[in-house]
C-alpha atoms as a PDB file:
ATOM      1  CA  UNK A   1      12.176   2.889  40.026  1.00  0.00           C
ATOM      2  CA  UNK A   2      12.144   3.682  36.310  1.00  0.00           C
ATOM      3  CA  UNK A   3      15.785   2.845  35.705  1.00  0.00           C
ATOM      4  CA  UNK A   4      15.613  -0.101  33.268  1.00  0.00           C
ATOM      5  CA  UNK A   5      15.506   1.006  29.628  1.00  0.00           C
ATOM      6  CA  UNK A   6      15.616  -2.380  27.912  1.00  0.00           C
ATOM      7  CA  UNK A   7      12.937  -2.949  25.275  1.00  0.00           C
ATOM      8  CA  UNK A   8      11.299  -5.749  27.226  1.00  0.00           C
ATOM      9  CA  UNK A   9      11.195  -3.682  30.393  1.00  0.00           C
ATOM     10  CA  UNK A  10       9.674  -0.727  28.558  1.00  0.00           C
ATOM     11  CA  UNK A  11       7.107  -3.041  26.994  1.00  0.00           C
ATOM     12  CA  UNK A  12       6.073  -4.368  30.398  1.00  0.00           C
ATOM     13  CA  UNK A  13       5.924  -0.879  31.895  1.00  0.00           C
ATOM     14  CA  UNK A  14       3.706   0.351  29.058  1.00  0.00           C
ATOM     15  CA  UNK A  15       0.733  -1.621  30.272  1.00  0.00           C
ATOM     16  CA  UNK A  16      -1.952  -3.613  28.430  1.00  0.00           C
ATOM     17  CA  UNK A  17      -2.167  -1.173  25.513  1.00  0.00           C
ATOM     18  CA  UNK A  18       1.305  -2.280  24.445  1.00  0.00           C
ATOM     19  CA  UNK A  19      -0.199  -5.608  23.398  1.00  0.00           C
ATOM     20  CA  UNK A  20      -2.563  -3.750  21.048  1.00  0.00           C
ATOM     21  CA  UNK A  21       0.346  -1.729  19.678  1.00  0.00           C
ATOM     22  CA  UNK A  22       2.363  -4.889  19.081  1.00  0.00           C
ATOM     23  CA  UNK A  23      -0.536  -6.339  17.074  1.00  0.00           C
ATOM     24  CA  UNK A  24      -0.752  -3.088  15.083  1.00  0.00           C
ATOM     25  CA  UNK A  25       2.991  -3.167  14.471  1.00  0.00           C
ATOM     26  CA  UNK A  26       2.966  -6.756  13.208  1.00  0.00           C
ATOM     27  CA  UNK A  27       0.009  -6.054  10.897  1.00  0.00           C
ATOM     28  CA  UNK A  28       1.708  -2.935   9.562  1.00  0.00           C
ATOM     29  CA  UNK A  29       4.988  -4.752   8.936  1.00  0.00           C
ATOM     30  CA  UNK A  30       3.206  -7.609   7.142  1.00  0.00           C
ATOM     31  CA  UNK A  31       1.434  -5.178   4.814  1.00  0.00           C
ATOM     32  CA  UNK A  32       4.636  -3.231   4.114  1.00  0.00           C
ATOM     33  CA  UNK A  33       6.622  -6.354   3.225  1.00  0.00           C
ATOM     34  CA  UNK A  34       3.798  -7.697   1.070  1.00  0.00           C
ATOM     35  CA  UNK A  35       3.378  -4.408  -0.774  1.00  0.00           C
ATOM     36  CA  UNK A  36       7.085  -4.003  -1.462  1.00  0.00           C
ATOM     37  CA  UNK A  37       7.050  -7.438  -3.081  1.00  0.00           C
ATOM     38  CA  UNK A  38       3.827  -6.925  -5.067  1.00  0.00           C
ATOM     39  CA  UNK A  39       4.829  -3.472  -6.335  1.00  0.00           C
ATOM     40  CA  UNK A  40       8.213  -4.733  -7.460  1.00  0.00           C
ATOM     41  CA  UNK A  41       6.635  -7.745  -9.203  1.00  0.00           C
ATOM     42  CA  UNK A  42       4.048  -5.533 -10.908  1.00  0.00           C
ATOM     43  CA  UNK A  43       6.703  -3.176 -12.292  1.00  0.00           C
ATOM     44  CA  UNK A  44       8.889  -6.016 -13.542  1.00  0.00           C
ATOM     45  CA  UNK A  45       5.868  -7.670 -15.166  1.00  0.00           C
ATOM     46  CA  UNK A  46       4.862  -4.395 -16.814  1.00  0.00           C
ATOM     47  CA  UNK A  47       8.334  -3.785 -18.234  1.00  0.00           C
ATOM     48  CA  UNK A  48       8.620  -7.354 -19.507  1.00  0.00           C
ATOM     49  CA  UNK A  49       5.124  -7.315 -20.991  1.00  0.00           C
ATOM     50  CA  UNK A  50       5.764  -4.057 -22.819  1.00  0.00           C
ATOM     51  CA  UNK A  51       9.019  -5.359 -24.249  1.00  0.00           C
ATOM     52  CA  UNK A  52       7.312  -8.521 -25.539  1.00  0.00           C
ATOM     53  CA  UNK A  53       4.261  -6.793 -27.001  1.00  0.00           C
ATOM     54  CA  UNK A  54       6.264  -4.040 -28.631  1.00  0.00           C
ATOM     55  CA  UNK A  55       8.563  -6.622 -30.166  1.00  0.00           C
ATOM     56  CA  UNK A  56       5.601  -8.638 -31.438  1.00  0.00           C
ATOM     57  CA  UNK A  57       3.984  -5.561 -33.020  1.00  0.00           C
ATOM     58  CA  UNK A  58       7.238  -4.547 -34.692  1.00  0.00           C
ATOM     59  CA  UNK A  59       7.998  -8.036 -35.963  1.00  0.00           C
ATOM     60  CA  UNK A  60       4.589  -9.377 -36.935  1.00  0.00           C
ATOM     61  CA  UNK A  61       2.030  -6.625 -36.514  1.00  0.00           C
ATOM     62  CA  UNK A  62      -1.165  -6.756 -34.503  1.00  0.00           C
ATOM     63  CA  UNK A  63      -1.861 -10.404 -35.341  1.00  0.00           C
ATOM     64  CA  UNK A  64       1.432 -11.438 -33.734  1.00  0.00           C
ATOM     65  CA  UNK A  65       0.728  -9.233 -30.719  1.00  0.00           C
ATOM     66  CA  UNK A  66      -2.738 -10.795 -30.370  1.00  0.00           C
ATOM     67  CA  UNK A  67      -1.298 -14.289 -30.409  1.00  0.00           C
ATOM     68  CA  UNK A  68       1.183 -13.290 -27.723  1.00  0.00           C
ATOM     69  CA  UNK A  69      -1.399 -11.461 -25.594  1.00  0.00           C
ATOM     70  CA  UNK A  70      -3.827 -14.398 -25.625  1.00  0.00           C
ATOM     71  CA  UNK A  71      -1.169 -16.707 -24.241  1.00  0.00           C
ATOM     72  CA  UNK A  72       0.323 -14.172 -21.838  1.00  0.00           C
ATOM     73  CA  UNK A  73      -1.404 -13.649 -18.486  1.00  0.00           C
ATOM     74  CA  UNK A  74       0.149 -10.266 -17.732  1.00  0.00           C
ATOM     75  CA  UNK A  75      -1.710  -7.040 -16.966  1.00  0.00           C
ATOM     76  CA  UNK A  76      -0.515  -5.233 -20.087  1.00  0.00           C
ATOM     77  CA  UNK A  77      -1.669  -8.110 -22.300  1.00  0.00           C
ATOM     78  CA  UNK A  78      -5.130  -7.931 -20.735  1.00  0.00           C
ATOM     79  CA  UNK A  79      -5.228  -4.182 -21.295  1.00  0.00           C
ATOM     80  CA  UNK A  80      -4.128  -4.701 -24.900  1.00  0.00           C
ATOM     81  CA  UNK A  81      -6.848  -7.289 -25.496  1.00  0.00           C
ATOM     82  CA  UNK A  82      -9.475  -5.018 -23.931  1.00  0.00           C
ATOM     83  CA  UNK A  83      -8.509  -2.207 -26.290  1.00  0.00           C
ATOM     84  CA  UNK A  84      -8.446  -4.485 -29.300  1.00  0.00           C
ATOM     85  CA  UNK A  85     -11.925  -5.788 -28.484  1.00  0.00           C
ATOM     86  CA  UNK A  86     -13.256  -2.214 -28.845  1.00  0.00           C
ATOM     87  CA  UNK A  87     -11.331  -1.362 -32.004  1.00  0.00           C
ATOM     88  CA  UNK A  88     -14.522  -0.976 -34.027  1.00  0.00           C
ATOM     89  CA  UNK A  89     -15.588   1.935 -31.799  1.00  0.00           C
ATOM     90  CA  UNK A  90     -12.677   4.116 -32.810  1.00  0.00           C
ATOM     91  CA  UNK A  91      -9.681   5.564 -31.035  1.00  0.00           C
ATOM     92  CA  UNK A  92     -11.634   7.028 -28.114  1.00  0.00           C
ATOM     93  CA  UNK A  93     -13.398   3.748 -27.388  1.00  0.00           C
ATOM     94  CA  UNK A  94     -10.086   1.870 -27.542  1.00  0.00           C
ATOM     95  CA  UNK A  95      -8.542   4.317 -25.088  1.00  0.00           C
ATOM     96  CA  UNK A  96     -11.524   4.196 -22.736  1.00  0.00           C
ATOM     97  CA  UNK A  97     -11.540   0.408 -22.625  1.00  0.00           C
ATOM     98  CA  UNK A  98      -7.802   0.270 -21.984  1.00  0.00           C
ATOM     99  CA  UNK A  99      -8.003   2.857 -19.213  1.00  0.00           C
ATOM    100  CA  UNK A 100     -10.854   1.071 -17.432  1.00  0.00           C
ATOM    101  CA  UNK A 101      -9.058  -2.271 -17.590  1.00  0.00           C
ATOM    102  CA  UNK A 102      -5.760  -0.743 -16.462  1.00  0.00           C
ATOM    103  CA  UNK A 103      -7.353   0.983 -13.480  1.00  0.00           C
ATOM    104  CA  UNK A 104      -9.184  -2.152 -12.419  1.00  0.00           C
ATOM    105  CA  UNK A 105      -5.878  -4.020 -12.228  1.00  0.00           C
ATOM    106  CA  UNK A 106      -3.980  -1.180 -10.558  1.00  0.00           C
ATOM    107  CA  UNK A 107      -6.685  -0.989  -7.895  1.00  0.00           C
ATOM    108  CA  UNK A 108      -5.562  -4.407  -6.674  1.00  0.00           C
ATOM    109  CA  UNK A 109      -2.333  -2.751  -5.517  1.00  0.00           C
ATOM    110  CA  UNK A 110      -4.357  -0.598  -3.122  1.00  0.00           C
ATOM    111  CA  UNK A 111      -5.606  -3.658  -1.244  1.00  0.00           C
ATOM    112  CA  UNK A 112      -4.713  -3.576   2.472  1.00  0.00           C
ATOM    113  CA  UNK A 113      -3.331  -0.033   2.290  1.00  0.00           C
ATOM    114  CA  UNK A 114      -6.227   0.871   4.544  1.00  0.00           C
ATOM    115  CA  UNK A 115      -4.539  -1.205   7.244  1.00  0.00           C
ATOM    116  CA  UNK A 116      -1.546   1.135   7.163  1.00  0.00           C
ATOM    117  CA  UNK A 117      -3.799   4.166   7.232  1.00  0.00           C
ATOM    118  CA  UNK A 118      -5.741   2.803  10.197  1.00  0.00           C
ATOM    119  CA  UNK A 119      -2.597   1.867  12.116  1.00  0.00           C
ATOM    120  CA  UNK A 120      -1.026   5.245  11.411  1.00  0.00           C
ATOM    121  CA  UNK A 121      -4.041   7.227  12.559  1.00  0.00           C
ATOM    122  CA  UNK A 122      -5.124   5.035  15.474  1.00  0.00           C
ATOM    123  CA  UNK A 123      -1.863   4.039  17.178  1.00  0.00           C
ATOM    124  CA  UNK A 124      -1.147   7.485  18.718  1.00  0.00           C
ATOM    125  CA  UNK A 125      -4.612   7.493  20.293  1.00  0.00           C
ATOM    126  CA  UNK A 126      -4.139   3.983  21.640  1.00  0.00           C
ATOM    127  CA  UNK A 127      -0.847   5.086  23.173  1.00  0.00           C
ATOM    128  CA  UNK A 128      -2.456   8.227  24.564  1.00  0.00           C
ATOM    129  CA  UNK A 129      -5.199   6.131  26.116  1.00  0.00           C
ATOM    130  CA  UNK A 130      -2.569   4.022  27.875  1.00  0.00           C
ATOM    131  CA  UNK A 131      -0.840   7.176  29.092  1.00  0.00           C
ATOM    132  CA  UNK A 132      -4.067   8.612  30.493  1.00  0.00           C
ATOM    133  CA  UNK A 133      -4.729   5.376  32.371  1.00  0.00           C
ATOM    134  CA  UNK A 134      -1.194   5.416  33.726  1.00  0.00           C
ATOM    135  CA  UNK A 135      -1.463   9.013  34.903  1.00  0.00           C
ATOM    136  CA  UNK A 136      -4.777   8.274  36.609  1.00  0.00           C
ATOM    137  CA  UNK A 137      -3.087   5.394  38.422  1.00  0.00           C
ATOM    138  CA  UNK A 138      -0.137   7.604  39.381  1.00  0.00           C
ATOM    139  CA  UNK A 139      -2.307  10.331  40.879  1.00  0.00           C
ATOM    140  CA  UNK A 140      -4.368   7.750  42.693  1.00  0.00           C
ATOM    141  CA  UNK A 141      -1.137   6.567  44.306  1.00  0.00           C
ATOM    142  CA  UNK A 142      -0.375  10.180  45.262  1.00  0.00           C
ATOM    143  CA  UNK A 143      -3.789  10.548  46.873  1.00  0.00           C
ATOM    144  CA  UNK A 144      -3.307   7.357  48.870  1.00  0.00           C
ATOM    145  CA  UNK A 145       0.168   8.411  50.058  1.00  0.00           C
ATOM    146  CA  UNK A 146      -1.010  11.496  51.942  1.00  0.00           C
ATOM    147  CA  UNK A 147       1.577  14.212  52.309  1.00  0.00           C
ATOM    148  CA  UNK A 148       4.028  12.578  49.910  1.00  0.00           C
ATOM    149  CA  UNK A 149       5.945  14.681  47.427  1.00  0.00           C
ATOM    150  CA  UNK A 150       5.991  14.562  43.609  1.00  0.00           C
ATOM    151  CA  UNK A 151       8.566  11.782  43.695  1.00  0.00           C
ATOM    152  CA  UNK A 152       5.774   9.371  44.498  1.00  0.00           C
ATOM    153  CA  UNK A 153       4.153   9.897  41.090  1.00  0.00           C
ATOM    154  CA  UNK A 154       7.225  10.762  39.009  1.00  0.00           C
ATOM    155  CA  UNK A 155       8.013   7.142  38.239  1.00  0.00           C
ATOM    156  CA  UNK A 156       4.371   6.362  37.477  1.00  0.00           C
ATOM    157  CA  UNK A 157       4.041   9.249  35.026  1.00  0.00           C
ATOM    158  CA  UNK A 158       7.286   8.240  33.302  1.00  0.00           C
ATOM    159  CA  UNK A 159       5.941   4.726  32.914  1.00  0.00           C
ATOM    160  CA  UNK A 160       2.642   6.070  31.570  1.00  0.00           C
ATOM    161  CA  UNK A 161       4.432   8.049  28.868  1.00  0.00           C
ATOM    162  CA  UNK A 162       5.928   4.831  27.509  1.00  0.00           C
ATOM    163  CA  UNK A 163       2.538   4.044  25.966  1.00  0.00           C
ATOM    164  CA  UNK A 164       2.505   7.346  24.068  1.00  0.00           C
ATOM    165  CA  UNK A 165       6.037   6.742  22.824  1.00  0.00           C
ATOM    166  CA  UNK A 166       5.016   3.237  21.720  1.00  0.00           C
ATOM    167  CA  UNK A 167       2.013   4.588  19.842  1.00  0.00           C
ATOM    168  CA  UNK A 168       4.152   7.095  17.958  1.00  0.00           C
ATOM    169  CA  UNK A 169       6.787   4.450  17.238  1.00  0.00           C
ATOM    170  CA  UNK A 170       4.166   2.268  15.582  1.00  0.00           C
ATOM    171  CA  UNK A 171       2.344   5.097  13.805  1.00  0.00           C
ATOM    172  CA  UNK A 172       5.252   6.914  12.155  1.00  0.00           C
ATOM    173  CA  UNK A 173       6.489   4.038   9.921  1.00  0.00           C
ATOM    174  CA  UNK A 174       2.896   3.157   9.009  1.00  0.00           C
ATOM    175  CA  UNK A 175       2.120   6.729   7.907  1.00  0.00           C
ATOM    176  CA  UNK A 176       5.363   7.001   5.924  1.00  0.00           C
ATOM    177  CA  UNK A 177       4.709   3.655   4.207  1.00  0.00           C
ATOM    178  CA  UNK A 178       1.074   4.552   3.481  1.00  0.00           C
ATOM    179  CA  UNK A 179       1.998   7.836   1.797  1.00  0.00           C
ATOM    180  CA  UNK A 180       4.767   6.152  -0.191  1.00  0.00           C
ATOM    181  CA  UNK A 181       2.525   3.358  -1.470  1.00  0.00           C
ATOM    182  CA  UNK A 182      -0.291   5.759  -2.399  1.00  0.00           C
ATOM    183  CA  UNK A 183       2.132   7.756  -4.534  1.00  0.00           C
ATOM    184  CA  UNK A 184       3.565   4.524  -5.952  1.00  0.00           C
ATOM    185  CA  UNK A 185       0.084   3.412  -7.043  1.00  0.00           C
ATOM    186  CA  UNK A 186      -0.369   6.697  -8.891  1.00  0.00           C
ATOM    187  CA  UNK A 187       2.995   6.340 -10.628  1.00  0.00           C
ATOM    188  CA  UNK A 188       2.316   2.746 -11.659  1.00  0.00           C
ATOM    189  CA  UNK A 189      -1.110   3.730 -12.981  1.00  0.00           C
ATOM    190  CA  UNK A 190       0.493   6.390 -15.168  1.00  0.00           C
ATOM    191  CA  UNK A 191       3.176   3.947 -16.335  1.00  0.00           C
ATOM    192  CA  UNK A 192       0.614   1.290 -17.262  1.00  0.00           C
ATOM    193  CA  UNK A 193      -1.623   3.708 -19.145  1.00  0.00           C
ATOM    194  CA  UNK A 194       1.389   5.203 -20.939  1.00  0.00           C
ATOM    195  CA  UNK A 195       2.559   1.733 -21.960  1.00  0.00           C
ATOM    196  CA  UNK A 196      -0.912   0.810 -23.198  1.00  0.00           C
ATOM    197  CA  UNK A 197      -1.190   4.074 -25.123  1.00  0.00           C
ATOM    198  CA  UNK A 198       1.784   3.037 -27.243  1.00  0.00           C
ATOM    199  CA  UNK A 199      -0.417   0.379 -28.871  1.00  0.00           C
ATOM    200  CA  UNK A 200      -3.528   2.481 -29.481  1.00  0.00           C
ATOM    201  CA  UNK A 201      -2.494   3.691 -32.917  1.00  0.00           C
ATOM    202  CA  UNK A 202      -1.496   0.208 -34.026  1.00  0.00           C
ATOM    203  CA  UNK A 203      -4.878  -1.176 -32.926  1.00  0.00           C
ATOM    204  CA  UNK A 204      -6.744   1.711 -34.556  1.00  0.00           C
ATOM    205  CA  UNK A 205      -4.873   1.339 -37.833  1.00  0.00           C
ATOM    206  CA  UNK A 206      -5.492  -2.401 -37.721  1.00  0.00           C
ATOM    207  CA  UNK A 207      -9.232  -1.748 -37.381  1.00  0.00           C
ATOM    208  CA  UNK A 208      -9.151   0.612 -40.368  1.00  0.00           C
ATOM    209  CA  UNK A 209      -7.346  -1.979 -42.468  1.00  0.00           C
ATOM    210  CA  UNK A 210      -9.942  -4.618 -41.599  1.00  0.00           C
ATOM    211  CA  UNK A 211      -7.257  -7.183 -40.715  1.00  0.00           C
ATOM    212  CA  UNK A 212      -7.954  -7.423 -36.978  1.00  0.00           C
ATOM    213  CA  UNK A 213      -8.663 -10.900 -35.687  1.00  0.00           C
ATOM    214  CA  UNK A 214     -11.353 -11.692 -33.197  1.00  0.00           C
ATOM    215  CA  UNK A 215     -10.476 -11.860 -29.521  1.00  0.00           C
END
């Protein structure tokens, strides 16, 4: 009978599809942990890079900022250098170059988010597939046991529903994490572009003065 509600027992009762759901769950968890780490590192790097570049501009002007950016392998430094390389094209060209470079680096944060989206959208169907198979098996047992009552299939249907529950259990965290990370990418993109924008005027004025060094 269906009277053992331990996790291992439920896993065994869920059938072969539970193995697929376990794989989905592990993949989803790995992506979530990796993204939490990479997003945190990116934000810390952005804040530190802005502090250094702003200090260099205030203390020694664009030349000091260039020296710092060339030796600093952070995203904001690369965006700064990209804008400075287009200083002769005017403010709009500086902005465009910075935006393109910023977006190319932010796009790296979107890597593997598709895994979460796939797990979130597919897991319920995998669980439903397992449930359908279980119900087919249960009704087959009812057909074999001629004249038996609903009690013959009650346990089988309960077991079959474990697969659906497992699919939802895997899908819900993946969907929540996917939506959170998509919004986080948008926020970081805005933060990076806003930080880069703070240096546009300094680069533009440096181009007008004719003091800008070569990159």
